[in-house]
Amino acid sequence: RGPRNAFPFIDVESYLFVAGGIGITPILPM
């Protein structure tokens, strides 16, 4: 079922991404 999104990616000029372990899965496309 989906795709659905509870972790929306916003449009800004600068990002810091921090992923731990399998937390990389939603972060990688960002």
PDB file of all heavy atoms in Angstrom:
ATOM      1  N   ARG A   1       0.868  -1.185   0.000  1.00  0.00           N
ATOM      2  CA  ARG A   1       0.000   0.000   0.000  1.00  0.00           C
ATOM      3  C   ARG A   1       0.896   1.223   0.000  1.00  0.00           C
ATOM      4  O   ARG A   1       1.840   1.324   0.770  1.00  0.00           O
ATOM      5  CB  ARG A   1      -0.909   0.009   1.221  1.00  0.00           C
ATOM      6  CG  ARG A   1      -1.797   1.259   1.325  1.00  0.00           C
ATOM      7  CD  ARG A   1      -2.799   1.094   2.454  1.00  0.00           C
ATOM      8  NE  ARG A   1      -3.695  -0.024   2.166  1.00  0.00           N
ATOM      9  CZ  ARG A   1      -4.368  -0.698   3.104  1.00  0.00           C
ATOM     10  NH1 ARG A   1      -4.217  -0.384   4.374  1.00  0.00           N
ATOM     11  NH2 ARG A   1      -5.167  -1.682   2.758  1.00  0.00           N
ATOM     12  N   GLY A   2       0.596   2.155  -0.868  1.00  0.00           N
ATOM     13  CA  GLY A   2       1.386   3.373  -0.916  1.00  0.00           C
ATOM     14  C   GLY A   2       1.744   3.745  -2.332  1.00  0.00           C
ATOM     15  O   GLY A   2       1.122   3.252  -3.271  1.00  0.00           O
ATOM     16  N   PRO A   3       2.779   4.582  -2.475  1.00  0.00           N
ATOM     17  CA  PRO A   3       3.646   5.153  -1.430  1.00  0.00           C
ATOM     18  C   PRO A   3       2.905   6.173  -0.563  1.00  0.00           C
ATOM     19  O   PRO A   3       2.026   6.892  -1.045  1.00  0.00           O
ATOM     20  CB  PRO A   3       4.763   5.835  -2.229  1.00  0.00           C
ATOM     21  CG  PRO A   3       4.658   5.308  -3.613  1.00  0.00           C
ATOM     22  CD  PRO A   3       3.216   5.002  -3.813  1.00  0.00           C
ATOM     23  N   ARG A   4       3.316   6.217   0.693  1.00  0.00           N
ATOM     24  CA  ARG A   4       2.802   7.205   1.634  1.00  0.00           C
ATOM     25  C   ARG A   4       3.993   7.868   2.323  1.00  0.00           C
ATOM     26  O   ARG A   4       5.082   7.326   2.344  1.00  0.00           O
ATOM     27  CB  ARG A   4       1.878   6.543   2.657  1.00  0.00           C
ATOM     28  CG  ARG A   4       0.699   5.826   1.983  1.00  0.00           C
ATOM     29  CD  ARG A   4      -0.398   5.511   2.948  1.00  0.00           C
ATOM     30  NE  ARG A   4      -0.033   4.488   3.909  1.00  0.00           N
ATOM     31  CZ  ARG A   4      -0.823   4.116   4.914  1.00  0.00           C
ATOM     32  NH1 ARG A   4      -1.981   4.710   5.097  1.00  0.00           N
ATOM     33  NH2 ARG A   4      -0.445   3.169   5.758  1.00  0.00           N
ATOM     34  N   ASN A   5       3.760   9.061   2.880  1.00  0.00           N
ATOM     35  CA  ASN A   5       4.903   9.821   3.385  1.00  0.00           C
ATOM     36  C   ASN A   5       4.588  10.466   4.723  1.00  0.00           C
ATOM     37  O   ASN A   5       3.708  11.314   4.825  1.00  0.00           O
ATOM     38  CB  ASN A   5       5.316  10.894   2.374  1.00  0.00           C
ATOM     39  CG  ASN A   5       6.762  11.325   2.554  1.00  0.00           C
ATOM     40  OD1 ASN A   5       7.234  11.426   3.674  1.00  0.00           O
ATOM     41  ND2 ASN A   5       7.461  11.565   1.469  1.00  0.00           N
ATOM     42  N   ALA A   6       5.308  10.048   5.749  1.00  0.00           N
ATOM     43  CA  ALA A   6       5.241  10.687   7.062  1.00  0.00           C
ATOM     44  C   ALA A   6       6.559  11.370   7.408  1.00  0.00           C
ATOM     45  O   ALA A   6       6.773  11.773   8.543  1.00  0.00           O
ATOM     46  CB  ALA A   6       4.898   9.642   8.128  1.00  0.00           C
ATOM     47  N   PHE A   7       7.452  11.484   6.423  1.00  0.00           N
ATOM     48  CA  PHE A   7       8.805  12.020   6.634  1.00  0.00           C
ATOM     49  C   PHE A   7       9.147  12.911   5.435  1.00  0.00           C
ATOM     50  O   PHE A   7      10.080  12.622   4.694  1.00  0.00           O
ATOM     51  CB  PHE A   7       9.769  10.834   6.740  1.00  0.00           C
ATOM     52  CG  PHE A   7      11.148  11.150   7.274  1.00  0.00           C
ATOM     53  CD1 PHE A   7      11.369  12.142   8.209  1.00  0.00           C
ATOM     54  CD2 PHE A   7      12.225  10.391   6.836  1.00  0.00           C
ATOM     55  CE1 PHE A   7      12.645  12.385   8.696  1.00  0.00           C
ATOM     56  CE2 PHE A   7      13.502  10.620   7.314  1.00  0.00           C
ATOM     57  CZ  PHE A   7      13.709  11.629   8.247  1.00  0.00           C
ATOM     58  N   PRO A   8       8.386  13.997   5.225  1.00  0.00           N
ATOM     59  CA  PRO A   8       8.506  14.758   3.982  1.00  0.00           C
ATOM     60  C   PRO A   8       9.835  15.490   3.837  1.00  0.00           C
ATOM     61  O   PRO A   8      10.403  15.993   4.817  1.00  0.00           O
ATOM     62  CB  PRO A   8       7.334  15.742   4.050  1.00  0.00           C
ATOM     63  CG  PRO A   8       7.040  15.871   5.510  1.00  0.00           C
ATOM     64  CD  PRO A   8       7.344  14.528   6.114  1.00  0.00           C
ATOM     65  N   PHE A   9      10.317  15.550   2.621  1.00  0.00           N
ATOM     66  CA  PHE A   9      11.567  16.206   2.270  1.00  0.00           C
ATOM     67  C   PHE A   9      11.259  17.618   1.793  1.00  0.00           C
ATOM     68  O   PHE A   9      10.517  17.816   0.836  1.00  0.00           O
ATOM     69  CB  PHE A   9      12.252  15.405   1.167  1.00  0.00           C
ATOM     70  CG  PHE A   9      13.615  15.935   0.774  1.00  0.00           C
ATOM     71  CD1 PHE A   9      14.615  16.076   1.706  1.00  0.00           C
ATOM     72  CD2 PHE A   9      13.891  16.257  -0.548  1.00  0.00           C
ATOM     73  CE1 PHE A   9      15.867  16.536   1.351  1.00  0.00           C
ATOM     74  CE2 PHE A   9      15.139  16.718  -0.925  1.00  0.00           C
ATOM     75  CZ  PHE A   9      16.128  16.864   0.026  1.00  0.00           C
ATOM     76  N   ILE A  10      11.820  18.632   2.472  1.00  0.00           N
ATOM     77  CA  ILE A  10      11.524  20.018   2.124  1.00  0.00           C
ATOM     78  C   ILE A  10      12.630  20.594   1.243  1.00  0.00           C
ATOM     79  O   ILE A  10      13.736  20.065   1.186  1.00  0.00           O
ATOM     80  CB  ILE A  10      11.323  20.885   3.392  1.00  0.00           C
ATOM     81  CG1 ILE A  10      12.621  20.982   4.197  1.00  0.00           C
ATOM     82  CG2 ILE A  10      10.199  20.330   4.245  1.00  0.00           C
ATOM     83  CD1 ILE A  10      12.539  21.969   5.357  1.00  0.00           C
ATOM     84  N   ASP A  11      12.303  21.669   0.582  1.00  0.00           N
ATOM     85  CA  ASP A  11      13.229  22.305  -0.364  1.00  0.00           C
ATOM     86  C   ASP A  11      13.895  23.504   0.308  1.00  0.00           C
ATOM     87  O   ASP A  11      13.265  24.532   0.545  1.00  0.00           O
ATOM     88  CB  ASP A  11      12.458  22.740  -1.612  1.00  0.00           C
ATOM     89  CG  ASP A  11      13.373  23.237  -2.723  1.00  0.00           C
ATOM     90  OD1 ASP A  11      14.600  23.185  -2.542  1.00  0.00           O
ATOM     91  OD2 ASP A  11      12.853  23.665  -3.768  1.00  0.00           O
ATOM     92  N   VAL A  12      15.162  23.351   0.663  1.00  0.00           N
ATOM     93  CA  VAL A  12      15.938  24.437   1.261  1.00  0.00           C
ATOM     94  C   VAL A  12      17.302  24.472   0.583  1.00  0.00           C
ATOM     95  O   VAL A  12      17.603  23.663  -0.293  1.00  0.00           O
ATOM     96  CB  VAL A  12      16.098  24.256   2.794  1.00  0.00           C
ATOM     97  CG1 VAL A  12      14.757  24.353   3.501  1.00  0.00           C
ATOM     98  CG2 VAL A  12      16.765  22.919   3.116  1.00  0.00           C
ATOM     99  N   GLU A  13      18.140  25.413   0.990  1.00  0.00           N
ATOM    100  CA  GLU A  13      19.449  25.563   0.354  1.00  0.00           C
ATOM    101  C   GLU A  13      20.527  24.688   0.992  1.00  0.00           C
ATOM    102  O   GLU A  13      21.555  24.419   0.374  1.00  0.00           O
ATOM    103  CB  GLU A  13      19.882  27.035   0.407  1.00  0.00           C
ATOM    104  CG  GLU A  13      18.990  27.957  -0.414  1.00  0.00           C
ATOM    105  CD  GLU A  13      19.474  29.394  -0.365  1.00  0.00           C
ATOM    106  OE1 GLU A  13      20.424  29.667   0.404  1.00  0.00           O
ATOM    107  OE2 GLU A  13      18.903  30.237  -1.080  1.00  0.00           O
ATOM    108  N   SER A  14      20.297  24.256   2.249  1.00  0.00           N
ATOM    109  CA  SER A  14      21.343  23.526   2.959  1.00  0.00           C
ATOM    110  C   SER A  14      20.734  22.408   3.801  1.00  0.00           C
ATOM    111  O   SER A  14      19.676  22.599   4.422  1.00  0.00           O
ATOM    112  CB  SER A  14      22.126  24.481   3.863  1.00  0.00           C
ATOM    113  OG  SER A  14      23.097  23.792   4.629  1.00  0.00           O
ATOM    114  N   TYR A  15      21.419  21.259   3.820  1.00  0.00           N
ATOM    115  CA  TYR A  15      20.934  20.099   4.562  1.00  0.00           C
ATOM    116  C   TYR A  15      22.054  19.478   5.390  1.00  0.00           C
ATOM    117  O   TYR A  15      23.215  19.464   4.980  1.00  0.00           O
ATOM    118  CB  TYR A  15      20.429  19.010   3.602  1.00  0.00           C
ATOM    119  CG  TYR A  15      19.282  19.403   2.713  1.00  0.00           C
ATOM    120  CD1 TYR A  15      19.517  19.938   1.444  1.00  0.00           C
ATOM    121  CD2 TYR A  15      17.956  19.220   3.121  1.00  0.00           C
ATOM    122  CE1 TYR A  15      18.471  20.286   0.618  1.00  0.00           C
ATOM    123  CE2 TYR A  15      16.910  19.566   2.293  1.00  0.00           C
ATOM    124  CZ  TYR A  15      17.167  20.101   1.044  1.00  0.00           C
ATOM    125  OH  TYR A  15      16.130  20.442   0.215  1.00  0.00           O
ATOM    126  N   LEU A  16      21.648  18.918   6.534  1.00  0.00           N
ATOM    127  CA  LEU A  16      22.490  17.981   7.265  1.00  0.00           C
ATOM    128  C   LEU A  16      21.689  16.696   7.407  1.00  0.00           C
ATOM    129  O   LEU A  16      20.560  16.711   7.928  1.00  0.00           O
ATOM    130  CB  LEU A  16      22.847  18.516   8.652  1.00  0.00           C
ATOM    131  CG  LEU A  16      23.542  17.494   9.578  1.00  0.00           C
ATOM    132  CD1 LEU A  16      24.918  17.100   9.036  1.00  0.00           C
ATOM    133  CD2 LEU A  16      23.663  18.034  11.005  1.00  0.00           C
ATOM    134  N   PHE A  17      22.253  15.597   6.929  1.00  0.00           N
ATOM    135  CA  PHE A  17      21.626  14.289   7.041  1.00  0.00           C
ATOM    136  C   PHE A  17      22.436  13.443   8.024  1.00  0.00           C
ATOM    137  O   PHE A  17      23.661  13.353   7.913  1.00  0.00           O
ATOM    138  CB  PHE A  17      21.586  13.577   5.692  1.00  0.00           C
ATOM    139  CG  PHE A  17      20.874  14.342   4.607  1.00  0.00           C
ATOM    140  CD1 PHE A  17      21.593  14.984   3.604  1.00  0.00           C
ATOM    141  CD2 PHE A  17      19.488  14.416   4.587  1.00  0.00           C
ATOM    142  CE1 PHE A  17      20.949  15.682   2.600  1.00  0.00           C
ATOM    143  CE2 PHE A  17      18.832  15.123   3.588  1.00  0.00           C
ATOM    144  CZ  PHE A  17      19.560  15.759   2.591  1.00  0.00           C
ATOM    145  N   VAL A  18      21.743  12.830   8.978  1.00  0.00           N
ATOM    146  CA  VAL A  18      22.383  11.918   9.928  1.00  0.00           C
ATOM    147  C   VAL A  18      21.598  10.615   9.910  1.00  0.00           C
ATOM    148  O   VAL A  18      20.395  10.599  10.225  1.00  0.00           O
ATOM    149  CB  VAL A  18      22.419  12.490  11.351  1.00  0.00           C
ATOM    150  CG1 VAL A  18      23.114  11.507  12.298  1.00  0.00           C
ATOM    151  CG2 VAL A  18      23.115  13.844  11.384  1.00  0.00           C
ATOM    152  N   ALA A  19      22.257   9.535   9.514  1.00  0.00           N
ATOM    153  CA  ALA A  19      21.598   8.231   9.451  1.00  0.00           C
ATOM    154  C   ALA A  19      22.378   7.239  10.285  1.00  0.00           C
ATOM    155  O   ALA A  19      23.613   7.194  10.234  1.00  0.00           O
ATOM    156  CB  ALA A  19      21.511   7.744   8.009  1.00  0.00           C
ATOM    157  N   GLY A  20      21.659   6.456  11.060  1.00  0.00           N
ATOM    158  CA  GLY A  20      22.274   5.393  11.844  1.00  0.00           C
ATOM    159  C   GLY A  20      21.766   4.044  11.384  1.00  0.00           C
ATOM    160  O   GLY A  20      20.557   3.781  11.387  1.00  0.00           O
ATOM    161  N   GLY A  21      22.650   3.176  10.935  1.00  0.00           N
ATOM    162  CA  GLY A  21      22.262   1.834  10.536  1.00  0.00           C
ATOM    163  C   GLY A  21      21.273   1.812   9.400  1.00  0.00           C
ATOM    164  O   GLY A  21      21.430   2.505   8.384  1.00  0.00           O
ATOM    165  N   ILE A  22      20.185   1.047   9.561  1.00  0.00           N
ATOM    166  CA  ILE A  22      19.177   0.915   8.507  1.00  0.00           C
ATOM    167  C   ILE A  22      18.401   2.213   8.323  1.00  0.00           C
ATOM    168  O   ILE A  22      17.633   2.354   7.369  1.00  0.00           O
ATOM    169  CB  ILE A  22      18.228  -0.272   8.813  1.00  0.00           C
ATOM    170  CG1 ILE A  22      17.474  -0.718   7.553  1.00  0.00           C
ATOM    171  CG2 ILE A  22      17.296   0.075   9.957  1.00  0.00           C
ATOM    172  CD1 ILE A  22      18.345  -1.209   6.434  1.00  0.00           C
ATOM    173  N   GLY A  23      18.642   3.202   9.185  1.00  0.00           N
ATOM    174  CA  GLY A  23      18.064   4.532   8.990  1.00  0.00           C
ATOM    175  C   GLY A  23      18.530   5.204   7.713  1.00  0.00           C
ATOM    176  O   GLY A  23      18.015   6.258   7.337  1.00  0.00           O
ATOM    177  N   ILE A  24      19.486   4.605   7.021  1.00  0.00           N
ATOM    178  CA  ILE A  24      19.929   5.157   5.745  1.00  0.00           C
ATOM    179  C   ILE A  24      18.850   5.047   4.678  1.00  0.00           C
ATOM    180  O   ILE A  24      18.873   5.793   3.694  1.00  0.00           O
ATOM    181  CB  ILE A  24      21.221   4.428   5.269  1.00  0.00           C
ATOM    182  CG1 ILE A  24      21.855   5.140   4.069  1.00  0.00           C
ATOM    183  CG2 ILE A  24      20.933   2.980   4.941  1.00  0.00           C
ATOM    184  CD1 ILE A  24      22.274   6.569   4.327  1.00  0.00           C
ATOM    185  N   THR A  25      17.880   4.137   4.839  1.00  0.00           N
ATOM    186  CA  THR A  25      16.954   3.875   3.736  1.00  0.00           C
ATOM    187  C   THR A  25      16.108   5.081   3.327  1.00  0.00           C
ATOM    188  O   THR A  25      16.025   5.370   2.129  1.00  0.00           O
ATOM    189  CB  THR A  25      16.074   2.651   4.022  1.00  0.00           C
ATOM    190  OG1 THR A  25      15.451   2.768   5.303  1.00  0.00           O
ATOM    191  CG2 THR A  25      16.907   1.376   3.980  1.00  0.00           C
ATOM    192  N   PRO A  26      15.476   5.836   4.241  1.00  0.00           N
ATOM    193  CA  PRO A  26      14.759   7.024   3.768  1.00  0.00           C
ATOM    194  C   PRO A  26      15.689   8.186   3.450  1.00  0.00           C
ATOM    195  O   PRO A  26      15.330   9.083   2.675  1.00  0.00           O
ATOM    196  CB  PRO A  26      13.842   7.375   4.942  1.00  0.00           C
ATOM    197  CG  PRO A  26      14.572   6.878   6.133  1.00  0.00           C
ATOM    198  CD  PRO A  26      15.273   5.625   5.688  1.00  0.00           C
ATOM    199  N   ILE A  27      16.886   8.186   4.041  1.00  0.00           N
ATOM    200  CA  ILE A  27      17.820   9.294   3.860  1.00  0.00           C
ATOM    201  C   ILE A  27      18.509   9.248   2.499  1.00  0.00           C
ATOM    202  O   ILE A  27      18.755  10.293   1.874  1.00  0.00           O
ATOM    203  CB  ILE A  27      18.876   9.288   4.988  1.00  0.00           C
ATOM    204  CG1 ILE A  27      18.220   9.519   6.359  1.00  0.00           C
ATOM    205  CG2 ILE A  27      19.967  10.314   4.733  1.00  0.00           C
ATOM    206  CD1 ILE A  27      17.683  10.903   6.570  1.00  0.00           C
ATOM    207  N   LEU A  28      18.815   8.054   2.002  1.00  0.00           N
ATOM    208  CA  LEU A  28      19.549   7.931   0.739  1.00  0.00           C
ATOM    209  C   LEU A  28      18.872   8.672  -0.410  1.00  0.00           C
ATOM    210  O   LEU A  28      19.543   9.443  -1.125  1.00  0.00           O
ATOM    211  CB  LEU A  28      19.736   6.447   0.398  1.00  0.00           C
ATOM    212  CG  LEU A  28      20.383   6.121  -0.949  1.00  0.00           C
ATOM    213  CD1 LEU A  28      21.757   6.752  -1.085  1.00  0.00           C
ATOM    214  CD2 LEU A  28      20.469   4.599  -1.136  1.00  0.00           C
ATOM    215  N   PRO A  29      17.562   8.520  -0.657  1.00  0.00           N
ATOM    216  CA  PRO A  29      16.945   9.295  -1.739  1.00  0.00           C
ATOM    217  C   PRO A  29      16.978  10.801  -1.499  1.00  0.00           C
ATOM    218  O   PRO A  29      17.006  11.589  -2.455  1.00  0.00           O
ATOM    219  CB  PRO A  29      15.504   8.778  -1.772  1.00  0.00           C
ATOM    220  CG  PRO A  29      15.546   7.460  -1.089  1.00  0.00           C
ATOM    221  CD  PRO A  29      16.609   7.590  -0.050  1.00  0.00           C
ATOM    222  N   MET A  30      16.977  11.224  -0.232  1.00  0.00           N
ATOM    223  CA  MET A  30      17.056  12.652   0.080  1.00  0.00           C
ATOM    224  C   MET A  30      18.413  13.219  -0.319  1.00  0.00           C
ATOM    225  O   MET A  30      18.506  14.301  -0.900  1.00  0.00           O
ATOM    226  CB  MET A  30      16.809  12.879   1.575  1.00  0.00           C
ATOM    227  CG  MET A  30      15.424  12.503   2.046  1.00  0.00           C
ATOM    228  SD  MET A  30      15.216  12.877   3.808  1.00  0.00           S
ATOM    229  CE  MET A  30      13.533  12.308   4.073  1.00  0.00           C
TER     230      MET A  30
END
